C-alpha atoms as a PDB file:
ATOM      1  CA  MET A   1      -6.346  39.148   3.624  1.00  0.00           C
ATOM      2  CA  LYS A   2      -9.180  38.134   1.288  1.00  0.00           C
ATOM      3  CA  TYR A   3      -6.819  38.149  -1.704  1.00  0.00           C
ATOM      4  CA  LEU A   4      -4.170  36.205   0.213  1.00  0.00           C
ATOM      5  CA  LEU A   5      -6.719  33.485   0.972  1.00  0.00           C
ATOM      6  CA  ARG A   6      -7.762  33.284  -2.690  1.00  0.00           C
ATOM      7  CA  LEU A   7      -4.113  33.042  -3.752  1.00  0.00           C
ATOM      8  CA  LEU A   8      -3.482  30.241  -1.243  1.00  0.00           C
ATOM      9  CA  ILE A   9      -6.519  28.292  -2.459  1.00  0.00           C
ATOM     10  CA  PHE A  10      -5.455  28.754  -6.107  1.00  0.00           C
ATOM     11  CA  ILE A  11      -1.889  27.539  -5.400  1.00  0.00           C
ATOM     12  CA  THR A  12      -3.261  24.532  -3.518  1.00  0.00           C
ATOM     13  CA  PHE A  13      -5.575  23.713  -6.446  1.00  0.00           C
ATOM     14  CA  LEU A  14      -2.632  23.808  -8.875  1.00  0.00           C
ATOM     15  CA  PHE A  15      -0.569  21.579  -6.589  1.00  0.00           C
ATOM     16  CA  VAL A  16      -3.311  18.977  -6.155  1.00  0.00           C
ATOM     17  CA  SER A  17      -4.044  18.994  -9.899  1.00  0.00           C
ATOM     18  CA  ASN A  18      -0.387  18.370 -10.656  1.00  0.00           C
ATOM     19  CA  ILE A  19      -0.357  15.364  -8.324  1.00  0.00           C
ATOM     20  CA  LEU A  20      -3.569  13.801  -9.565  1.00  0.00           C
ATOM     21  CA  LEU A  21      -3.173  14.541 -13.264  1.00  0.00           C
ATOM     22  CA  GLY A  22       0.501  13.643 -13.188  1.00  0.00           C
ATOM     23  CA  GLN A  23      -0.132   9.999 -12.417  1.00  0.00           C
ATOM     24  CA  ASN A  24       0.957   7.333 -14.848  1.00  0.00           C
ATOM     25  CA  GLU A  25      -0.538   3.882 -14.991  1.00  0.00           C
ATOM     26  CA  TYR A  26       1.938   1.127 -15.809  1.00  0.00           C
ATOM     27  CA  ALA A  27       0.400  -2.186 -16.830  1.00  0.00           C
ATOM     28  CA  ILE A  28       2.387  -5.281 -15.925  1.00  0.00           C
ATOM     29  CA  SER A  29       1.872  -7.837 -18.671  1.00  0.00           C
ATOM     30  CA  LEU A  30       3.383 -11.315 -18.971  1.00  0.00           C
ATOM     31  CA  GLU A  31       1.958 -11.825 -22.460  1.00  0.00           C
ATOM     32  CA  ASN A  32       5.329 -11.519 -24.191  1.00  0.00           C
ATOM     33  CA  GLU A  33       7.288 -13.283 -21.437  1.00  0.00           C
ATOM     34  CA  LYS A  34       8.177 -16.967 -21.332  1.00  0.00           C
ATOM     35  CA  ILE A  35       9.547 -19.536 -18.893  1.00  0.00           C
ATOM     36  CA  ILE A  36      12.282 -21.778 -20.290  1.00  0.00           C
ATOM     37  CA  ASP A  37      11.058 -25.383 -20.397  1.00  0.00           C
ATOM     38  CA  PHE A  38      13.330 -28.240 -19.341  1.00  0.00           C
ATOM     39  CA  ASP A  39      13.772 -31.924 -20.150  1.00  0.00           C
ATOM     40  CA  ASN A  40      12.093 -34.744 -18.230  1.00  0.00           C
ATOM     41  CA  ARG A  41       9.451 -32.476 -16.745  1.00  0.00           C
ATOM     42  CA  GLU A  42       6.912 -34.700 -14.959  1.00  0.00           C
ATOM     43  CA  PHE A  43       4.289 -32.073 -14.169  1.00  0.00           C
ATOM     44  CA  PHE A  44       2.346 -29.158 -15.577  1.00  0.00           C
ATOM     45  CA  ILE A  45       0.433 -26.318 -13.930  1.00  0.00           C
ATOM     46  CA  LYS A  46      -3.257 -26.993 -14.335  1.00  0.00           C
ATOM     47  CA  GLU A  47      -4.532 -24.170 -12.113  1.00  0.00           C
ATOM     48  CA  VAL A  48      -3.334 -20.880 -10.650  1.00  0.00           C
ATOM     49  CA  ILE A  49      -4.953 -19.435  -7.512  1.00  0.00           C
ATOM     50  CA  ASP A  50      -4.130 -15.879  -6.458  1.00  0.00           C
ATOM     51  CA  LYS A  51      -4.372 -15.297  -2.689  1.00  0.00           C
ATOM     52  CA  SER A  52      -2.052 -12.300  -2.654  1.00  0.00           C
ATOM     53  CA  LYS A  53      -3.174  -8.941  -1.308  1.00  0.00           C
ATOM     54  CA  LYS A  54      -2.760  -6.836  -4.406  1.00  0.00           C
ATOM     55  CA  GLU A  55      -3.569  -3.585  -2.652  1.00  0.00           C
ATOM     56  CA  VAL A  56       0.077  -3.287  -1.561  1.00  0.00           C
ATOM     57  CA  PHE A  57       1.146  -3.477  -5.211  1.00  0.00           C
ATOM     58  CA  THR A  58       0.175   0.129  -5.861  1.00  0.00           C
ATOM     59  CA  TYR A  59       2.031   3.413  -6.208  1.00  0.00           C
ATOM     60  CA  SER A  60       5.798   3.745  -6.518  1.00  0.00           C
ATOM     61  CA  LYS A  61       8.392   6.317  -7.519  1.00  0.00           C
ATOM     62  CA  LEU A  62      11.432   5.233  -9.500  1.00  0.00           C
ATOM     63  CA  GLY A  63      14.826   6.940  -9.689  1.00  0.00           C
ATOM     64  CA  ASN A  64      14.666  10.617 -10.520  1.00  0.00           C
ATOM     65  CA  ASN A  65      11.173  10.330 -11.973  1.00  0.00           C
ATOM     66  CA  ARG A  66       8.979  12.069  -9.413  1.00  0.00           C
ATOM     67  CA  ARG A  67       5.721  11.361 -11.243  1.00  0.00           C
ATOM     68  CA  ILE A  68       3.592   8.877  -9.341  1.00  0.00           C
ATOM     69  CA  SER A  69       2.616   5.709 -11.193  1.00  0.00           C
ATOM     70  CA  MET A  70       0.176   2.947 -10.429  1.00  0.00           C
ATOM     71  CA  LEU A  71       1.249  -0.650 -11.025  1.00  0.00           C
ATOM     72  CA  VAL A  72      -1.631  -2.732 -12.345  1.00  0.00           C
ATOM     73  CA  TYR A  73      -2.071  -5.933 -14.338  1.00  0.00           C
ATOM     74  CA  ASP A  74      -3.320  -6.064 -17.913  1.00  0.00           C
ATOM     75  CA  THR A  75      -6.002  -8.503 -16.757  1.00  0.00           C
ATOM     76  CA  ASP A  76      -5.238  -9.878 -13.283  1.00  0.00           C
ATOM     77  CA  LEU A  77      -2.330 -11.669 -11.671  1.00  0.00           C
ATOM     78  CA  GLN A  78      -4.060 -15.041 -11.726  1.00  0.00           C
ATOM     79  CA  SER A  79      -4.817 -14.883 -15.460  1.00  0.00           C
ATOM     80  CA  GLU A  80      -1.394 -13.474 -16.332  1.00  0.00           C
ATOM     81  CA  VAL A  81       0.511 -16.248 -14.531  1.00  0.00           C
ATOM     82  CA  LYS A  82      -1.811 -18.994 -15.800  1.00  0.00           C
ATOM     83  CA  PHE A  83      -1.324 -17.848 -19.386  1.00  0.00           C
ATOM     84  CA  LEU A  84       2.442 -17.775 -18.818  1.00  0.00           C
ATOM     85  CA  PHE A  85       2.412 -21.442 -17.735  1.00  0.00           C
ATOM     86  CA  LEU A  86       0.051 -22.613 -20.483  1.00  0.00           C
ATOM     87  CA  LYS A  87       2.328 -21.054 -23.063  1.00  0.00           C
ATOM     88  CA  SER A  88       5.682 -22.002 -21.521  1.00  0.00           C
ATOM     89  CA  LEU A  89       5.056 -25.359 -19.824  1.00  0.00           C
ATOM     90  CA  PRO A  90       2.221 -27.043 -21.740  1.00  0.00           C
ATOM     91  CA  GLU A  91       0.745 -30.352 -20.653  1.00  0.00           C
ATOM     92  CA  LYS A  92       2.478 -33.420 -22.033  1.00  0.00           C
ATOM     93  CA  LYS A  93       1.707 -37.133 -21.887  1.00  0.00           C
ATOM     94  CA  ASN A  94       1.935 -38.876 -18.496  1.00  0.00           C
ATOM     95  CA  GLN A  95       2.368 -35.636 -16.568  1.00  0.00           C
ATOM     96  CA  ILE A  96       0.502 -34.796 -13.370  1.00  0.00           C
ATOM     97  CA  GLY A  97      -1.346 -31.526 -12.906  1.00  0.00           C
ATOM     98  CA  LEU A  98      -0.369 -29.264 -10.011  1.00  0.00           C
ATOM     99  CA  THR A  99      -2.003 -26.164  -8.546  1.00  0.00           C
ATOM    100  CA  LEU A 100       0.109 -23.048  -8.025  1.00  0.00           C
ATOM    101  CA  ILE A 101      -1.111 -20.862  -5.137  1.00  0.00           C
ATOM    102  CA  ILE A 102       0.350 -17.354  -5.001  1.00  0.00           C
ATOM    103  CA  ASP A 103       0.343 -16.281  -1.346  1.00  0.00           C
ATOM    104  CA  ALA A 104       2.131 -12.962  -1.746  1.00  0.00           C
ATOM    105  CA  LEU A 105       3.344 -10.671  -4.483  1.00  0.00           C
ATOM    106  CA  SER A 106       3.936  -7.257  -2.978  1.00  0.00           C
ATOM    107  CA  SER A 107       5.883  -4.137  -3.782  1.00  0.00           C
ATOM    108  CA  THR A 108       7.092  -1.987  -0.886  1.00  0.00           C
ATOM    109  CA  GLU A 109       9.301   1.075  -0.527  1.00  0.00           C
ATOM    110  CA  ASP A 110      12.093   1.782   1.944  1.00  0.00           C
ATOM    111  CA  TYR A 111      13.203   5.390   2.278  1.00  0.00           C
ATOM    112  CA  GLY A 112      16.877   5.306   3.263  1.00  0.00           C
ATOM    113  CA  GLU A 113      19.659   7.846   3.410  1.00  0.00           C
ATOM    114  CA  LYS A 114      20.548   7.246  -0.243  1.00  0.00           C
ATOM    115  CA  GLY A 115      16.997   7.462  -1.561  1.00  0.00           C
ATOM    116  CA  GLU A 116      14.328   4.888  -2.304  1.00  0.00           C
ATOM    117  CA  ASP A 117      14.815   1.129  -2.420  1.00  0.00           C
ATOM    118  CA  LEU A 118      11.982  -0.902  -3.929  1.00  0.00           C
ATOM    119  CA  LYS A 119      11.517  -4.422  -2.571  1.00  0.00           C
ATOM    120  CA  ILE A 120       9.420  -7.104  -4.242  1.00  0.00           C
ATOM    121  CA  THR A 121       8.327 -10.116  -2.207  1.00  0.00           C
ATOM    122  CA  PHE A 122       6.993 -13.286  -3.828  1.00  0.00           C
ATOM    123  CA  GLN A 123       5.716 -16.355  -1.987  1.00  0.00           C
ATOM    124  CA  ALA A 124       3.945 -19.335  -3.511  1.00  0.00           C
ATOM    125  CA  LYS A 125       3.339 -23.042  -3.097  1.00  0.00           C
ATOM    126  CA  LEU A 126       2.616 -26.019  -5.330  1.00  0.00           C
ATOM    127  CA  VAL A 127      -0.246 -28.304  -4.284  1.00  0.00           C
ATOM    128  CA  PHE A 128      -1.334 -31.774  -5.398  1.00  0.00           C
ATOM    129  CA  GLU A 129      -4.685 -33.087  -4.132  1.00  0.00           C
ATOM    130  CA  ASP A 130      -4.677 -30.739  -1.101  1.00  0.00           C
ATOM    131  CA  GLU A 131      -1.107 -31.729  -0.204  1.00  0.00           C
ATOM    132  CA  VAL A 132       1.553 -29.006  -0.236  1.00  0.00           C
ATOM    133  CA  LEU A 133       4.507 -30.320  -2.247  1.00  0.00           C
ATOM    134  CA  PHE A 134       6.663 -27.201  -2.184  1.00  0.00           C
ATOM    135  CA  ILE A 135       6.623 -23.720  -0.676  1.00  0.00           C
ATOM    136  CA  ASN A 136       9.171 -20.954  -0.979  1.00  0.00           C
ATOM    137  CA  ARG A 137       9.616 -17.218  -0.603  1.00  0.00           C
ATOM    138  CA  TYR A 138      11.756 -14.811  -2.624  1.00  0.00           C
ATOM    139  CA  GLU A 139      12.727 -11.194  -2.113  1.00  0.00           C
ATOM    140  CA  LYS A 140      14.574  -8.772  -4.372  1.00  0.00           C
ATOM    141  CA  VAL A 141      15.585  -5.167  -3.720  1.00  0.00           C
ATOM    142  CA  PHE A 142      16.013  -2.610  -6.502  1.00  0.00           C
ATOM    143  CA  SER A 143      18.263   0.257  -5.454  1.00  0.00           C
ATOM    144  CA  ASP A 144      17.519   3.355  -7.511  1.00  0.00           C
ATOM    145  CA  ALA A 145      15.517   1.337 -10.037  1.00  0.00           C
ATOM    146  CA  LYS A 146      15.110   3.042 -13.387  1.00  0.00           C
ATOM    147  CA  SER A 147      12.315   1.198 -15.134  1.00  0.00           C
ATOM    148  CA  TYR A 148       9.074  -0.595 -14.289  1.00  0.00           C
ATOM    149  CA  LYS A 149      10.200  -3.277 -16.739  1.00  0.00           C
ATOM    150  CA  GLU A 150      12.394  -4.545 -13.915  1.00  0.00           C
ATOM    151  CA  TYR A 151       9.241  -5.559 -12.022  1.00  0.00           C
ATOM    152  CA  THR A 152       8.076  -7.754 -14.897  1.00  0.00           C
ATOM    153  CA  VAL A 153      11.546  -9.259 -15.340  1.00  0.00           C
ATOM    154  CA  PHE A 154      11.760 -10.138 -11.653  1.00  0.00           C
ATOM    155  CA  ILE A 155       8.302 -11.720 -11.608  1.00  0.00           C
ATOM    156  CA  VAL A 156       9.218 -13.991 -14.536  1.00  0.00           C
ATOM    157  CA  GLN A 157      12.663 -14.802 -13.126  1.00  0.00           C
ATOM    158  CA  THR A 158      11.125 -15.599  -9.748  1.00  0.00           C
ATOM    159  CA  ILE A 159       8.497 -17.934 -11.203  1.00  0.00           C
ATOM    160  CA  GLN A 160      11.224 -19.590 -13.283  1.00  0.00           C
ATOM    161  CA  GLY A 161      13.407 -20.076 -10.211  1.00  0.00           C
ATOM    162  CA  PHE A 162      10.469 -21.329  -8.149  1.00  0.00           C
ATOM    163  CA  ILE A 163       9.675 -24.053 -10.704  1.00  0.00           C
ATOM    164  CA  TYR A 164      13.329 -25.044 -11.078  1.00  0.00           C
ATOM    165  CA  ASP A 165      13.800 -25.211  -7.300  1.00  0.00           C
ATOM    166  CA  PHE A 166      10.780 -27.479  -7.042  1.00  0.00           C
ATOM    167  CA  ALA A 167      12.013 -29.718  -9.872  1.00  0.00           C
ATOM    168  CA  MET A 168      15.391 -30.098  -8.145  1.00  0.00           C
ATOM    169  CA  VAL A 169      13.996 -31.318  -4.806  1.00  0.00           C
ATOM    170  CA  SER A 170      10.870 -33.278  -5.780  1.00  0.00           C
ATOM    171  CA  GLU A 171       9.619 -36.091  -8.002  1.00  0.00           C
ATOM    172  CA  PRO A 172       5.963 -35.138  -8.369  1.00  0.00           C
ATOM    173  CA  ALA A 173       5.015 -38.045 -10.627  1.00  0.00           C
ATOM    174  CA  LYS A 174       6.096 -40.565  -8.007  1.00  0.00           C
ATOM    175  CA  SER A 175       4.477 -38.468  -5.307  1.00  0.00           C
ATOM    176  CA  ALA A 176       1.213 -38.562  -7.216  1.00  0.00           C
ATOM    177  CA  GLN A 177       1.292 -42.361  -7.485  1.00  0.00           C
ATOM    178  CA  VAL A 178       1.522 -42.768  -3.726  1.00  0.00           C
ATOM    179  CA  LYS A 179      -1.006 -39.960  -3.163  1.00  0.00           C
ATOM    180  CA  GLU A 180       1.364 -37.936  -0.932  1.00  0.00           C
ATOM    181  CA  PRO A 181       4.592 -35.942  -1.232  1.00  0.00           C
ATOM    182  CA  ARG A 182       7.846 -37.775  -0.614  1.00  0.00           C
ATOM    183  CA  LYS A 183       9.187 -36.714   2.765  1.00  0.00           C
ATOM    184  CA  GLU A 184      12.766 -37.699   1.933  1.00  0.00           C
ATOM    185  CA  GLU A 185      12.691 -35.488  -1.171  1.00  0.00           C
ATOM    186  CA  ARG A 186      11.360 -32.524   0.796  1.00  0.00           C
ATOM    187  CA  GLY A 187      13.797 -33.121   3.656  1.00  0.00           C
ATOM    188  CA  ASN A 188      11.147 -32.291   6.301  1.00  0.00           C
ATOM    189  CA  SER A 189       8.561 -34.202   8.277  1.00  0.00           C
ATOM    190  CA  GLU A 190       4.902 -33.280   7.940  1.00  0.00           C
ATOM    191  CA  ASP A 191       5.035 -31.481  11.288  1.00  0.00           C
ATOM    192  CA  SER A 192       8.191 -29.606  10.286  1.00  0.00           C
ATOM    193  CA  GLU A 193       6.690 -28.600   6.933  1.00  0.00           C
ATOM    194  CA  GLU A 194       3.497 -27.417   8.624  1.00  0.00           C
ATOM    195  CA  GLU A 195       5.542 -25.318  11.060  1.00  0.00           C
ATOM    196  CA  THR A 196       7.571 -23.847   8.192  1.00  0.00           C
ATOM    197  CA  GLU A 197       4.443 -23.042   6.201  1.00  0.00           C
ATOM    198  CA  ASN A 198       2.780 -21.410   9.207  1.00  0.00           C
ATOM    199  CA  LEU A 199       5.903 -19.342   9.846  1.00  0.00           C
ATOM    200  CA  LEU A 200       6.079 -18.185   6.227  1.00  0.00           C
ATOM    201  CA  GLU A 201       2.386 -17.287   6.223  1.00  0.00           C
ATOM    202  CA  GLU A 202       2.779 -15.402   9.501  1.00  0.00           C
ATOM    203  CA  GLU A 203       5.776 -13.474   8.133  1.00  0.00           C
ATOM    204  CA  THR A 204       3.835 -12.625   4.981  1.00  0.00           C
ATOM    205  CA  GLU A 205       0.816 -11.415   6.960  1.00  0.00           C
ATOM    206  CA  ASN A 206       3.090  -9.253   9.129  1.00  0.00           C
ATOM    207  CA  LEU A 207       4.765  -7.816   6.047  1.00  0.00           C
ATOM    208  CA  LEU A 208       1.475  -6.990   4.355  1.00  0.00           C
ATOM    209  CA  GLU A 209      -0.065  -5.601   7.550  1.00  0.00           C
ATOM    210  CA  GLU A 210       3.000  -3.435   8.122  1.00  0.00           C
ATOM    211  CA  ASN A 211       2.791  -1.979   4.648  1.00  0.00           C
ATOM    212  CA  THR A 212      -0.956  -1.506   4.346  1.00  0.00           C
ATOM    213  CA  SER A 213      -1.783  -0.166   7.819  1.00  0.00           C
ATOM    214  CA  ARG A 214      -1.273   3.571   7.253  1.00  0.00           C
ATOM    215  CA  ASP A 215      -4.466   4.868   8.854  1.00  0.00           C
ATOM    216  CA  VAL A 216      -3.827   7.554  11.468  1.00  0.00           C
ATOM    217  CA  VAL A 217      -5.548   8.408  14.754  1.00  0.00           C
ATOM    218  CA  ALA A 218      -4.714  11.900  16.075  1.00  0.00           C
ATOM    219  CA  ILE A 219      -5.666  13.578  19.344  1.00  0.00           C
ATOM    220  CA  GLY A 220      -4.983  17.093  20.580  1.00  0.00           C
ATOM    221  CA  TYR A 221      -5.848  20.788  20.671  1.00  0.00           C
ATOM    222  CA  GLN A 222      -8.098  21.831  17.740  1.00  0.00           C
ATOM    223  CA  ILE A 223      -7.804  18.323  16.327  1.00  0.00           C
ATOM    224  CA  GLY A 224     -11.141  17.037  15.062  1.00  0.00           C
ATOM    225  CA  GLY A 225     -12.691  20.520  14.707  1.00  0.00           C
ATOM    226  CA  PHE A 226     -12.728  23.828  16.617  1.00  0.00           C
ATOM    227  CA  ASN A 227     -12.123  21.904  19.838  1.00  0.00           C
ATOM    228  CA  LEU A 228     -10.390  22.368  23.142  1.00  0.00           C
ATOM    229  CA  ILE A 229      -9.479  18.711  22.671  1.00  0.00           C
ATOM    230  CA  GLY A 230     -10.611  16.277  20.010  1.00  0.00           C
ATOM    231  CA  ILE A 231      -9.846  13.079  18.131  1.00  0.00           C
ATOM    232  CA  ASP A 232      -9.556  12.521  14.375  1.00  0.00           C
ATOM    233  CA  TYR A 233      -9.372   9.321  12.317  1.00  0.00           C
ATOM    234  CA  GLU A 234      -7.890   9.177   8.801  1.00  0.00           C
ATOM    235  CA  PHE A 235      -8.525   6.338   6.384  1.00  0.00           C
ATOM    236  CA  ARG A 236      -5.625   6.123   3.906  1.00  0.00           C
ATOM    237  CA  ALA A 237      -7.368   5.330   0.634  1.00  0.00           C
ATOM    238  CA  THR A 238      -4.199   5.456  -1.522  1.00  0.00           C
ATOM    239  CA  ASP A 239      -0.577   6.545  -1.221  1.00  0.00           C
ATOM    240  CA  VAL A 240      -1.735  10.083  -2.039  1.00  0.00           C
ATOM    241  CA  ILE A 241      -5.289  10.450  -0.717  1.00  0.00           C
ATOM    242  CA  GLY A 242      -6.582  10.121   2.849  1.00  0.00           C
ATOM    243  CA  ILE A 243     -10.164  10.717   4.047  1.00  0.00           C
ATOM    244  CA  HIS A 244     -10.611  11.855   7.646  1.00  0.00           C
ATOM    245  CA  ALA A 245     -13.292  12.822  10.177  1.00  0.00           C
ATOM    246  CA  GLY A 246     -13.161  13.832  13.824  1.00  0.00           C
ATOM    247  CA  ILE A 247     -15.106  15.071  16.832  1.00  0.00           C
ATOM    248  CA  GLY A 248     -14.302  16.579  20.202  1.00  0.00           C
ATOM    249  CA  PHE A 249     -15.203  19.097  22.921  1.00  0.00           C
ATOM    250  CA  LYS A 250     -16.922  20.593  21.272  1.00  0.00           C
ATOM    251  CA  GLY A 251     -17.105  20.449  17.495  1.00  0.00           C
ATOM    252  CA  TYR A 252     -16.379  18.228  14.527  1.00  0.00           C
ATOM    253  CA  THR A 253     -14.528  18.094  11.191  1.00  0.00           C
ATOM    254  CA  ALA A 254     -14.325  16.142   7.925  1.00  0.00           C
ATOM    255  CA  GLY A 255     -12.054  16.461   4.925  1.00  0.00           C
ATOM    256  CA  VAL A 256      -9.434  15.118   2.546  1.00  0.00           C
ATOM    257  CA  LYS A 257      -5.658  14.951   2.967  1.00  0.00           C
ATOM    258  CA  ILE A 258      -3.216  14.970   0.052  1.00  0.00           C
ATOM    259  CA  HIS A 259       0.041  13.294   1.122  1.00  0.00           C
ATOM    260  CA  PHE A 260       3.537  14.018  -0.204  1.00  0.00           C
ATOM    261  CA  LYS A 261       4.866  10.541   0.635  1.00  0.00           C
ATOM    262  CA  PRO A 262       3.277   7.078   0.519  1.00  0.00           C
ATOM    263  CA  THR A 263       4.543   6.420   4.054  1.00  0.00           C
ATOM    264  CA  LYS A 264       2.559   7.065   7.242  1.00  0.00           C
ATOM    265  CA  ASP A 265       4.970   9.801   8.349  1.00  0.00           C
ATOM    266  CA  GLY A 266       5.475  12.963   6.300  1.00  0.00           C
ATOM    267  CA  GLY A 267       3.762  16.126   5.157  1.00  0.00           C
ATOM    268  CA  PHE A 268       0.278  16.629   3.758  1.00  0.00           C
ATOM    269  CA  ILE A 269      -2.239  19.246   2.610  1.00  0.00           C
ATOM    270  CA  ASN A 270      -5.515  19.098   4.547  1.00  0.00           C
ATOM    271  CA  VAL A 271      -8.666  20.493   2.898  1.00  0.00           C
ATOM    272  CA  ASN A 272     -11.463  20.244   5.448  1.00  0.00           C
ATOM    273  CA  TYR A 273     -14.696  21.581   6.934  1.00  0.00           C
ATOM    274  CA  LYS A 274     -14.529  22.606  10.611  1.00  0.00           C
ATOM    275  CA  ASP A 275     -17.270  23.238  13.156  1.00  0.00           C
ATOM    276  CA  GLY A 276     -17.077  24.661  16.670  1.00  0.00           C
ATOM    277  CA  GLY A 277     -19.826  24.566  19.275  1.00  0.00           C
ATOM    278  CA  PHE A 278     -21.980  22.456  16.935  1.00  0.00           C
ATOM    279  CA  GLY A 279     -23.213  25.365  14.825  1.00  0.00           C
ATOM    280  CA  GLU A 280     -21.680  28.326  16.683  1.00  0.00           C
ATOM    281  CA  ILE A 281     -18.760  28.732  14.223  1.00  0.00           C
ATOM    282  CA  ASP A 282     -17.787  26.884  11.057  1.00  0.00           C
ATOM    283  CA  GLY A 283     -15.870  27.249   7.813  1.00  0.00           C
ATOM    284  CA  TRP A 284     -13.579  25.707   5.172  1.00  0.00           C
ATOM    285  CA  ALA A 285      -9.853  25.364   5.883  1.00  0.00           C
ATOM    286  CA  VAL A 286      -6.708  24.653   3.848  1.00  0.00           C
ATOM    287  CA  GLU A 287      -3.798  23.575   6.040  1.00  0.00           C
ATOM    288  CA  TYR A 288      -0.302  22.189   5.752  1.00  0.00           C
ATOM    289  CA  GLY A 289       0.495  19.476   8.286  1.00  0.00           C
ATOM    290  CA  SER A 290       2.908  16.704   9.139  1.00  0.00           C
ATOM    291  CA  ARG A 291       3.480  13.850  11.559  1.00  0.00           C
ATOM    292  CA  LYS A 292       6.652  12.065  12.684  1.00  0.00           C
ATOM    293  CA  GLY A 293       7.127   9.067  14.950  1.00  0.00           C
ATOM    294  CA  PHE A 294       9.140   9.597  18.120  1.00  0.00           C
ATOM    295  CA  GLY A 295      12.658   8.167  18.439  1.00  0.00           C
ATOM    296  CA  GLY A 296      12.925   7.094  14.813  1.00  0.00           C
ATOM    297  CA  ASN A 297       9.835   4.899  15.201  1.00  0.00           C
ATOM    298  CA  ALA A 298       8.520   5.513  11.694  1.00  0.00           C
ATOM    299  CA  GLY A 299       4.750   5.145  11.575  1.00  0.00           C
ATOM    300  CA  GLY A 300       4.436   4.766  15.346  1.00  0.00           C
ATOM    301  CA  PHE A 301       3.340   7.098  18.128  1.00  0.00           C
ATOM    302  CA  GLY A 302       4.519  10.615  17.322  1.00  0.00           C
ATOM    303  CA  PHE A 303       4.082  14.363  17.007  1.00  0.00           C
ATOM    304  CA  HIS A 304       1.285  15.801  14.847  1.00  0.00           C
ATOM    305  CA  TYR A 305       0.525  19.352  13.706  1.00  0.00           C
ATOM    306  CA  GLN A 306      -1.341  21.293  11.019  1.00  0.00           C
ATOM    307  CA  VAL A 307      -1.585  25.036  10.321  1.00  0.00           C
ATOM    308  CA  GLY A 308      -3.187  27.159   7.601  1.00  0.00           C
ATOM    309  CA  LEU A 309      -6.114  29.440   6.804  1.00  0.00           C
ATOM    310  CA  ILE A 310      -9.859  28.992   7.267  1.00  0.00           C
ATOM    311  CA  LEU A 311     -12.659  30.905   5.559  1.00  0.00           C
ATOM    312  CA  ILE A 312     -15.230  31.362   8.328  1.00  0.00           C
ATOM    313  CA  THR A 313     -18.710  31.170   6.804  1.00  0.00           C
ATOM    314  CA  ASN A 314     -20.848  31.181   9.941  1.00  0.00           C
ATOM    315  CA  LEU A 315     -20.386  32.928  13.284  1.00  0.00           C
ATOM    316  CA  SER A 316     -22.835  33.237  16.159  1.00  0.00           C
ATOM    317  CA  PRO A 317     -23.220  36.586  17.982  1.00  0.00           C
ATOM    318  CA  GLU A 318     -21.488  35.107  21.038  1.00  0.00           C
ATOM    319  CA  TYR A 319     -18.355  34.381  18.998  1.00  0.00           C
ATOM    320  CA  ARG A 320     -18.198  37.688  17.127  1.00  0.00           C
ATOM    321  CA  ASN A 321     -16.576  39.487  20.029  1.00  0.00           C
ATOM    322  CA  VAL A 322     -13.652  37.034  19.783  1.00  0.00           C
ATOM    323  CA  PHE A 323     -13.052  38.186  16.193  1.00  0.00           C
ATOM    324  CA  GLY A 324     -13.546  41.912  16.871  1.00  0.00           C
ATOM    325  CA  GLY A 325     -17.121  41.993  15.637  1.00  0.00           C
ATOM    326  CA  ALA A 326     -16.234  40.726  12.140  1.00  0.00           C
ATOM    327  CA  THR A 327     -19.070  39.528   9.904  1.00  0.00           C
ATOM    328  CA  PRO A 328     -18.672  36.296   7.869  1.00  0.00           C
ATOM    329  CA  PRO A 329     -17.293  35.403   5.461  1.00  0.00           C
ATOM    330  CA  PHE A 330     -13.724  36.270   6.455  1.00  0.00           C
ATOM    331  CA  PRO A 331     -10.388  34.397   6.729  1.00  0.00           C
ATOM    332  CA  SER A 332      -8.600  33.465   9.954  1.00  0.00           C
ATOM    333  CA  ILE A 333      -5.734  31.297  11.166  1.00  0.00           C
ATOM    334  CA  SER A 334      -6.466  27.574  11.474  1.00  0.00           C
ATOM    335  CA  LEU A 335      -4.232  25.243  13.455  1.00  0.00           C
ATOM    336  CA  GLY A 336      -4.064  21.985  15.361  1.00  0.00           C
ATOM    337  CA  ILE A 337      -1.390  20.309  17.471  1.00  0.00           C
ATOM    338  CA  GLY A 338      -1.193  17.005  19.275  1.00  0.00           C
ATOM    339  CA  PHE A 339      -0.116  13.381  18.986  1.00  0.00           C
ATOM    340  CA  SER A 340      -0.959  10.601  16.541  1.00  0.00           C
ATOM    341  CA  TRP A 341      -0.311   6.921  15.896  1.00  0.00           C
END
């Protein structure tokens, strides 16, 4: 049994190393990209403000490439987009300066029957002297995308389309002279525009919340330690790594989970320290586990389990009879079953 435990730990180490060392980092750069300028342009972009939540623009898998890659920016989104405008749409005489505010630029994954679809969402607005002149939202889905270059292409195409859409519906120079956007050009009243903006912001917040809230609370038998019943909370640090801790009647646990999928549901390897009776029994465990939402409710309330081996390193005399008088260290079965959300 001792050799079986060592073999299991060694295989787990190789698996985790392959995940962590197999990561690529793909830098999104707009340095070599350009927006096509157009005649009679009455504005330029004087400032770019990034209010997007970049944490959702993280890990993704593309096509048949199973290696995990992190999407990052060469510098940062704000600098990249500002440089793109300075190079592509420079300031000219008698033009007004506008501020571009990026509200959302997120990358999310949808696991369907045919594989992974990658969806990019972009939302931004143009502002002049605290007045919103234009706001719009764009989404694009890549089915079985093959290259991260497609992300960069879409970002540039989206910014290009955003500027062109604004130019088609507004006359910013005239708006600037009267110190407010032209309602007839926008086609909405101030109240209607405010309602539309609030709706778009609410939809964006819901989208980002839905895709970033992957923390898990689990409750059940031998959840949160060597417990009759316990509770465990996992903080999902990345698509791969989760850090968890729990407590119950009576014992506690803490450890790290290595996930196979970036979604909330799915399998994981749990490497953790477990205690029972607050010092009566404890040890280090390596377990395989999984969770799945009930009724197709992915990420919602569902079934949770984990099972593996634990190397017991401490055992009080009262507990030794349970294990046939064995003296630590020795391996044993480790398990937990319950519900999570």
